[in-house]
Amino acid sequence: MIVNDWDSGDVTASDRAERTLLGALLLAPYLLEHARILEPHDFRNSSRGQVFSVLRNMGGHVDSVLLALEMERQRLRPPDGMTGWQDAIGRLLGEAFVDDELAPEYARVIKEASLRRRTSAMAARMAVSA
């Protein structure tokens, strides 16, 4: 099981899980079935959420070049500090590895982090309005 270190530094477990899962989905699109619990808004990083959305909408028939071209065709802004989508996607592939058993765990970590962020945001809004 993956240990959650939600906010123990600049790079959290959910951030690493996002990068690793997206890279794995590019290398092994059949793993998309393990990510069914996820929605683009579950990703802490909105650019990664966009990558997930486009990748999912392409039905897994994709590689890094086709994904980058589709991101550019949709005029989606690449993440800050990247020269373009090919650069951003290449970095995802640099952290990827394929493990059929870990893919559902990474999806769970991402989903739990998303729920935790939404719960915290809701609690903060309630505290302000009280």
N, C-alpha and C. Protein backbone atom coordinates (compact mmCIF):
# COMPACT_ATOMS: atom_id res chain seq x y z
N MET A 1 0.84 -1.18 0.00
CA MET A 1 0.00 0.00 0.00
C MET A 1 0.89 1.24 0.00
N ILE A 2 0.45 2.27 -0.69
CA ILE A 2 1.18 3.53 -0.78
C ILE A 2 0.83 4.37 0.44
N VAL A 3 1.83 4.91 1.09
CA VAL A 3 1.62 5.77 2.26
C VAL A 3 1.34 7.18 1.78
N ASN A 4 0.35 7.80 2.40
CA ASN A 4 -0.01 9.17 2.04
C ASN A 4 0.76 10.16 2.89
N ASP A 5 1.50 11.05 2.28
CA ASP A 5 2.15 12.14 2.99
C ASP A 5 1.60 13.44 2.41
N TRP A 6 0.32 13.65 2.63
CA TRP A 6 -0.47 14.65 1.92
C TRP A 6 0.24 15.99 1.76
N ASP A 7 0.80 16.51 2.80
CA ASP A 7 1.38 17.84 2.71
C ASP A 7 2.73 17.92 3.41
N SER A 8 3.54 16.91 3.26
CA SER A 8 4.81 16.88 3.99
C SER A 8 5.96 17.44 3.16
N GLY A 9 5.72 18.45 2.40
CA GLY A 9 6.78 19.04 1.61
C GLY A 9 6.25 19.58 0.30
N ASP A 10 7.15 20.03 -0.55
CA ASP A 10 6.74 20.60 -1.82
C ASP A 10 6.15 19.56 -2.76
N VAL A 11 6.64 18.33 -2.65
CA VAL A 11 6.15 17.26 -3.52
C VAL A 11 5.43 16.26 -2.63
N THR A 12 4.12 16.14 -2.81
CA THR A 12 3.34 15.23 -1.98
C THR A 12 3.18 13.89 -2.67
N ALA A 13 2.69 12.92 -1.91
CA ALA A 13 2.44 11.60 -2.48
C ALA A 13 1.46 11.69 -3.63
N SER A 14 0.45 12.54 -3.49
CA SER A 14 -0.54 12.64 -4.57
C SER A 14 0.08 13.25 -5.83
N ASP A 15 0.99 14.20 -5.67
CA ASP A 15 1.67 14.77 -6.85
C ASP A 15 2.48 13.69 -7.56
N ARG A 16 3.21 12.92 -6.80
CA ARG A 16 4.01 11.83 -7.41
C ARG A 16 3.10 10.80 -8.04
N ALA A 17 1.99 10.51 -7.37
CA ALA A 17 1.04 9.54 -7.93
C ALA A 17 0.46 10.05 -9.24
N GLU A 18 0.15 11.35 -9.32
CA GLU A 18 -0.39 11.92 -10.55
C GLU A 18 0.59 11.75 -11.70
N ARG A 19 1.83 12.13 -11.46
CA ARG A 19 2.84 12.05 -12.54
C ARG A 19 3.07 10.60 -12.95
N THR A 20 3.20 9.72 -11.99
CA THR A 20 3.49 8.33 -12.29
C THR A 20 2.32 7.67 -13.02
N LEU A 21 1.10 7.91 -12.55
CA LEU A 21 -0.06 7.29 -13.20
C LEU A 21 -0.23 7.80 -14.63
N LEU A 22 -0.11 9.10 -14.84
CA LEU A 22 -0.27 9.63 -16.20
C LEU A 22 0.79 9.07 -17.14
N GLY A 23 2.02 8.99 -16.69
CA GLY A 23 3.07 8.39 -17.51
C GLY A 23 2.77 6.93 -17.81
N ALA A 24 2.30 6.21 -16.82
CA ALA A 24 1.95 4.80 -17.02
C ALA A 24 0.81 4.65 -18.02
N LEU A 25 -0.18 5.56 -17.96
CA LEU A 25 -1.30 5.49 -18.90
C LEU A 25 -0.84 5.72 -20.33
N LEU A 26 0.20 6.53 -20.50
CA LEU A 26 0.74 6.73 -21.85
C LEU A 26 1.48 5.50 -22.34
N LEU A 27 2.19 4.84 -21.45
CA LEU A 27 2.94 3.64 -21.84
C LEU A 27 2.05 2.41 -21.99
N ALA A 28 1.00 2.36 -21.19
CA ALA A 28 0.12 1.18 -21.17
C ALA A 28 -1.33 1.66 -21.06
N PRO A 29 -1.91 2.11 -22.17
CA PRO A 29 -3.26 2.68 -22.13
C PRO A 29 -4.33 1.76 -21.56
N TYR A 30 -4.10 0.46 -21.57
CA TYR A 30 -5.09 -0.45 -20.99
C TYR A 30 -5.28 -0.21 -19.49
N LEU A 31 -4.34 0.49 -18.87
CA LEU A 31 -4.47 0.80 -17.45
C LEU A 31 -5.55 1.84 -17.16
N LEU A 32 -6.09 2.47 -18.22
CA LEU A 32 -7.17 3.44 -18.02
C LEU A 32 -8.33 2.84 -17.24
N GLU A 33 -8.56 1.56 -17.39
CA GLU A 33 -9.66 0.93 -16.65
C GLU A 33 -9.46 1.05 -15.15
N HIS A 34 -8.22 1.15 -14.70
CA HIS A 34 -7.93 1.29 -13.27
C HIS A 34 -8.11 2.73 -12.79
N ALA A 35 -8.27 3.64 -13.71
CA ALA A 35 -8.41 5.06 -13.37
C ALA A 35 -9.85 5.54 -13.52
N ARG A 36 -10.80 4.63 -13.63
CA ARG A 36 -12.20 5.01 -13.83
C ARG A 36 -12.75 5.84 -12.68
N ILE A 37 -12.18 5.71 -11.49
CA ILE A 37 -12.69 6.46 -10.34
C ILE A 37 -12.30 7.94 -10.40
N LEU A 38 -11.41 8.29 -11.32
CA LEU A 38 -10.88 9.64 -11.38
C LEU A 38 -11.61 10.52 -12.38
N GLU A 39 -11.65 11.80 -12.04
CA GLU A 39 -12.13 12.86 -12.92
C GLU A 39 -11.01 13.88 -13.05
N PRO A 40 -11.00 14.67 -14.09
CA PRO A 40 -9.92 15.66 -14.24
C PRO A 40 -9.75 16.58 -13.03
N HIS A 41 -10.85 16.94 -12.37
CA HIS A 41 -10.75 17.84 -11.21
C HIS A 41 -10.12 17.16 -9.99
N ASP A 42 -9.92 15.86 -10.03
CA ASP A 42 -9.27 15.15 -8.93
C ASP A 42 -7.76 15.41 -8.89
N PHE A 43 -7.21 15.89 -9.97
CA PHE A 43 -5.77 16.13 -10.03
C PHE A 43 -5.45 17.47 -9.39
N ARG A 44 -4.48 17.46 -8.50
CA ARG A 44 -4.04 18.67 -7.80
C ARG A 44 -3.55 19.70 -8.82
N ASN A 45 -2.86 19.24 -9.82
CA ASN A 45 -2.29 20.10 -10.85
C ASN A 45 -3.27 20.13 -12.02
N SER A 46 -3.78 21.31 -12.35
CA SER A 46 -4.82 21.41 -13.39
C SER A 46 -4.30 20.96 -14.75
N SER A 47 -3.01 21.18 -15.04
CA SER A 47 -2.46 20.72 -16.32
C SER A 47 -2.51 19.20 -16.41
N ARG A 48 -2.22 18.54 -15.29
CA ARG A 48 -2.31 17.07 -15.29
C ARG A 48 -3.76 16.62 -15.45
N GLY A 49 -4.68 17.38 -14.88
CA GLY A 49 -6.10 17.08 -15.07
C GLY A 49 -6.48 17.19 -16.54
N GLN A 50 -5.92 18.20 -17.23
CA GLN A 50 -6.19 18.34 -18.66
C GLN A 50 -5.60 17.16 -19.44
N VAL A 51 -4.40 16.77 -19.08
CA VAL A 51 -3.77 15.61 -19.75
C VAL A 51 -4.65 14.38 -19.56
N PHE A 52 -5.11 14.16 -18.33
CA PHE A 52 -5.95 13.00 -18.05
C PHE A 52 -7.23 13.05 -18.87
N SER A 53 -7.86 14.21 -18.92
CA SER A 53 -9.11 14.36 -19.66
C SER A 53 -8.93 14.04 -21.15
N VAL A 54 -7.91 14.63 -21.76
CA VAL A 54 -7.67 14.39 -23.18
C VAL A 54 -7.29 12.95 -23.42
N LEU A 55 -6.43 12.40 -22.58
CA LEU A 55 -6.02 11.00 -22.72
C LEU A 55 -7.23 10.07 -22.65
N ARG A 56 -8.09 10.31 -21.66
CA ARG A 56 -9.30 9.49 -21.49
C ARG A 56 -10.23 9.65 -22.69
N ASN A 57 -10.41 10.89 -23.17
CA ASN A 57 -11.31 11.13 -24.30
C ASN A 57 -10.78 10.52 -25.59
N MET A 58 -9.46 10.35 -25.68
CA MET A 58 -8.88 9.72 -26.87
C MET A 58 -9.02 8.20 -26.81
N GLY A 59 -9.55 7.70 -25.71
CA GLY A 59 -9.85 6.28 -25.61
C GLY A 59 -8.63 5.38 -25.47
N GLY A 60 -7.53 5.94 -25.07
CA GLY A 60 -6.34 5.11 -24.88
C GLY A 60 -5.58 4.81 -26.15
N HIS A 61 -6.07 5.28 -27.27
CA HIS A 61 -5.35 5.07 -28.55
C HIS A 61 -4.46 6.28 -28.78
N VAL A 62 -3.35 6.31 -28.04
CA VAL A 62 -2.56 7.53 -28.01
C VAL A 62 -1.11 7.20 -27.63
N ASP A 63 -0.23 8.05 -28.08
CA ASP A 63 1.15 8.03 -27.60
C ASP A 63 1.50 9.47 -27.26
N SER A 64 2.72 9.72 -26.85
CA SER A 64 3.07 11.06 -26.39
C SER A 64 2.95 12.11 -27.50
N VAL A 65 3.30 11.74 -28.71
CA VAL A 65 3.23 12.70 -29.83
C VAL A 65 1.78 13.04 -30.14
N LEU A 66 0.92 12.03 -30.25
CA LEU A 66 -0.50 12.29 -30.55
C LEU A 66 -1.17 13.06 -29.43
N LEU A 67 -0.83 12.75 -28.19
CA LEU A 67 -1.41 13.48 -27.06
C LEU A 67 -0.99 14.94 -27.09
N ALA A 68 0.28 15.21 -27.31
CA ALA A 68 0.76 16.60 -27.37
C ALA A 68 0.08 17.35 -28.51
N LEU A 69 -0.05 16.70 -29.66
CA LEU A 69 -0.72 17.35 -30.79
C LEU A 69 -2.18 17.66 -30.47
N GLU A 70 -2.85 16.75 -29.78
CA GLU A 70 -4.26 16.98 -29.41
C GLU A 70 -4.37 18.11 -28.39
N MET A 71 -3.46 18.16 -27.43
CA MET A 71 -3.47 19.23 -26.43
C MET A 71 -3.29 20.58 -27.14
N GLU A 72 -2.38 20.62 -28.10
CA GLU A 72 -2.14 21.86 -28.84
C GLU A 72 -3.33 22.19 -29.74
N ARG A 73 -3.93 21.17 -30.37
CA ARG A 73 -5.09 21.40 -31.22
C ARG A 73 -6.23 22.03 -30.42
N GLN A 74 -6.37 21.59 -29.18
CA GLN A 74 -7.42 22.14 -28.32
C GLN A 74 -7.03 23.48 -27.70
N ARG A 75 -5.84 23.95 -28.05
CA ARG A 75 -5.33 25.24 -27.57
C ARG A 75 -5.25 25.29 -26.04
N LEU A 76 -4.90 24.16 -25.44
CA LEU A 76 -4.71 24.11 -24.00
C LEU A 76 -3.32 24.64 -23.66
N ARG A 77 -3.25 25.46 -22.67
CA ARG A 77 -1.98 26.10 -22.29
C ARG A 77 -1.09 25.09 -21.58
N PRO A 78 0.15 24.94 -22.03
CA PRO A 78 1.07 24.02 -21.34
C PRO A 78 1.42 24.56 -19.96
N PRO A 79 1.87 23.69 -19.07
CA PRO A 79 2.24 24.14 -17.72
C PRO A 79 3.34 25.19 -17.77
N ASP A 80 3.34 26.06 -16.77
CA ASP A 80 4.38 27.07 -16.65
C ASP A 80 5.74 26.39 -16.57
N GLY A 81 6.72 27.00 -17.21
CA GLY A 81 8.08 26.47 -17.17
C GLY A 81 8.36 25.40 -18.21
N MET A 82 7.37 25.04 -19.00
CA MET A 82 7.54 24.03 -20.04
C MET A 82 7.57 24.72 -21.40
N THR A 83 8.33 24.15 -22.32
CA THR A 83 8.41 24.74 -23.65
C THR A 83 7.21 24.39 -24.51
N GLY A 84 6.40 23.46 -24.08
CA GLY A 84 5.21 23.04 -24.80
C GLY A 84 4.71 21.74 -24.22
N TRP A 85 3.65 21.21 -24.84
CA TRP A 85 3.07 19.98 -24.32
C TRP A 85 3.99 18.78 -24.49
N GLN A 86 4.77 18.76 -25.56
CA GLN A 86 5.69 17.62 -25.74
C GLN A 86 6.70 17.57 -24.59
N ASP A 87 7.18 18.72 -24.17
CA ASP A 87 8.09 18.80 -23.03
C ASP A 87 7.40 18.30 -21.75
N ALA A 88 6.19 18.79 -21.49
CA ALA A 88 5.46 18.40 -20.29
C ALA A 88 5.16 16.90 -20.27
N ILE A 89 4.74 16.37 -21.40
CA ILE A 89 4.41 14.95 -21.49
C ILE A 89 5.68 14.11 -21.38
N GLY A 90 6.76 14.59 -21.98
CA GLY A 90 8.03 13.88 -21.85
C GLY A 90 8.46 13.74 -20.41
N ARG A 91 8.22 14.76 -19.60
CA ARG A 91 8.56 14.69 -18.18
C ARG A 91 7.71 13.67 -17.45
N LEU A 92 6.45 13.54 -17.85
CA LEU A 92 5.59 12.51 -17.25
C LEU A 92 6.15 11.12 -17.56
N LEU A 93 6.59 10.95 -18.79
CA LEU A 93 7.14 9.64 -19.17
C LEU A 93 8.43 9.34 -18.42
N GLY A 94 9.15 10.37 -18.04
CA GLY A 94 10.39 10.17 -17.30
C GLY A 94 10.18 9.57 -15.92
N GLU A 95 8.96 9.70 -15.38
CA GLU A 95 8.66 9.16 -14.05
C GLU A 95 7.77 7.93 -14.11
N ALA A 96 7.46 7.49 -15.29
CA ALA A 96 6.48 6.41 -15.44
C ALA A 96 7.11 5.04 -15.33
N PHE A 97 6.33 4.14 -14.81
CA PHE A 97 6.62 2.72 -14.91
C PHE A 97 5.28 2.01 -14.90
N VAL A 98 5.24 0.87 -15.52
CA VAL A 98 3.97 0.15 -15.66
C VAL A 98 3.92 -0.97 -14.64
N ASP A 99 2.90 -0.94 -13.82
CA ASP A 99 2.65 -1.99 -12.84
C ASP A 99 1.14 -2.10 -12.69
N ASP A 100 0.60 -3.18 -13.22
CA ASP A 100 -0.85 -3.38 -13.20
C ASP A 100 -1.42 -3.34 -11.79
N GLU A 101 -0.66 -3.78 -10.80
CA GLU A 101 -1.16 -3.83 -9.44
C GLU A 101 -1.07 -2.48 -8.74
N LEU A 102 -0.13 -1.63 -9.13
CA LEU A 102 0.00 -0.33 -8.49
C LEU A 102 -0.91 0.74 -9.09
N ALA A 103 -1.33 0.58 -10.33
CA ALA A 103 -2.17 1.59 -10.97
C ALA A 103 -3.43 1.90 -10.16
N PRO A 104 -4.15 0.89 -9.66
CA PRO A 104 -5.33 1.22 -8.84
C PRO A 104 -4.97 1.94 -7.55
N GLU A 105 -3.82 1.63 -6.99
CA GLU A 105 -3.37 2.31 -5.77
C GLU A 105 -3.08 3.78 -6.05
N TYR A 106 -2.42 4.06 -7.16
CA TYR A 106 -2.15 5.45 -7.52
C TYR A 106 -3.46 6.20 -7.74
N ALA A 107 -4.41 5.58 -8.40
CA ALA A 107 -5.71 6.22 -8.62
C ALA A 107 -6.39 6.50 -7.28
N ARG A 108 -6.30 5.58 -6.34
CA ARG A 108 -6.90 5.76 -5.02
C ARG A 108 -6.24 6.93 -4.28
N VAL A 109 -4.92 7.00 -4.34
CA VAL A 109 -4.19 8.09 -3.67
C VAL A 109 -4.64 9.44 -4.24
N ILE A 110 -4.76 9.52 -5.56
CA ILE A 110 -5.19 10.76 -6.21
C ILE A 110 -6.60 11.13 -5.78
N LYS A 111 -7.51 10.15 -5.78
CA LYS A 111 -8.90 10.40 -5.40
C LYS A 111 -9.01 10.83 -3.95
N GLU A 112 -8.30 10.15 -3.05
CA GLU A 112 -8.36 10.51 -1.64
C GLU A 112 -7.80 11.91 -1.39
N ALA A 113 -6.73 12.26 -2.08
CA ALA A 113 -6.17 13.61 -1.94
C ALA A 113 -7.16 14.65 -2.44
N SER A 114 -7.85 14.35 -3.52
CA SER A 114 -8.86 15.25 -4.06
C SER A 114 -9.99 15.45 -3.05
N LEU A 115 -10.47 14.37 -2.47
CA LEU A 115 -11.54 14.47 -1.48
C LEU A 115 -11.08 15.26 -0.26
N ARG A 116 -9.86 15.06 0.14
CA ARG A 116 -9.32 15.78 1.29
C ARG A 116 -9.22 17.28 0.99
N ARG A 117 -8.77 17.64 -0.21
CA ARG A 117 -8.68 19.05 -0.59
C ARG A 117 -10.07 19.69 -0.62
N ARG A 118 -11.04 18.98 -1.19
CA ARG A 118 -12.41 19.54 -1.27
C ARG A 118 -13.03 19.69 0.12
N THR A 119 -12.79 18.71 0.99
CA THR A 119 -13.32 18.79 2.35
C THR A 119 -12.71 19.96 3.09
N SER A 120 -11.40 20.15 2.95
CA SER A 120 -10.72 21.28 3.60
C SER A 120 -11.26 22.61 3.08
N ALA A 121 -11.45 22.70 1.77
CA ALA A 121 -11.96 23.93 1.18
C ALA A 121 -13.38 24.22 1.66
N MET A 122 -14.20 23.18 1.78
CA MET A 122 -15.57 23.35 2.24
C MET A 122 -15.58 23.80 3.71
N ALA A 123 -14.72 23.19 4.52
CA ALA A 123 -14.63 23.57 5.92
C ALA A 123 -14.18 25.02 6.06
N ALA A 124 -13.23 25.44 5.24
CA ALA A 124 -12.76 26.82 5.28
C ALA A 124 -13.87 27.79 4.89
N ARG A 125 -14.67 27.44 3.87
CA ARG A 125 -15.78 28.31 3.46
C ARG A 125 -16.82 28.40 4.56
N MET A 126 -17.08 27.28 5.23
CA MET A 126 -18.08 27.28 6.31
C MET A 126 -17.59 28.13 7.49
N ALA A 127 -16.29 28.06 7.78
CA ALA A 127 -15.73 28.83 8.88
C ALA A 127 -15.82 30.33 8.60
N VAL A 128 -15.60 30.71 7.35
CA VAL A 128 -15.66 32.13 6.98
C VAL A 128 -17.09 32.64 7.06
N SER A 129 -18.05 31.81 6.64
CA SER A 129 -19.44 32.26 6.62
C SER A 129 -20.12 32.14 7.99
N ALA A 130 -19.46 31.53 8.95
CA ALA A 130 -20.07 31.36 10.30
C ALA A 130 -19.92 32.60 11.14
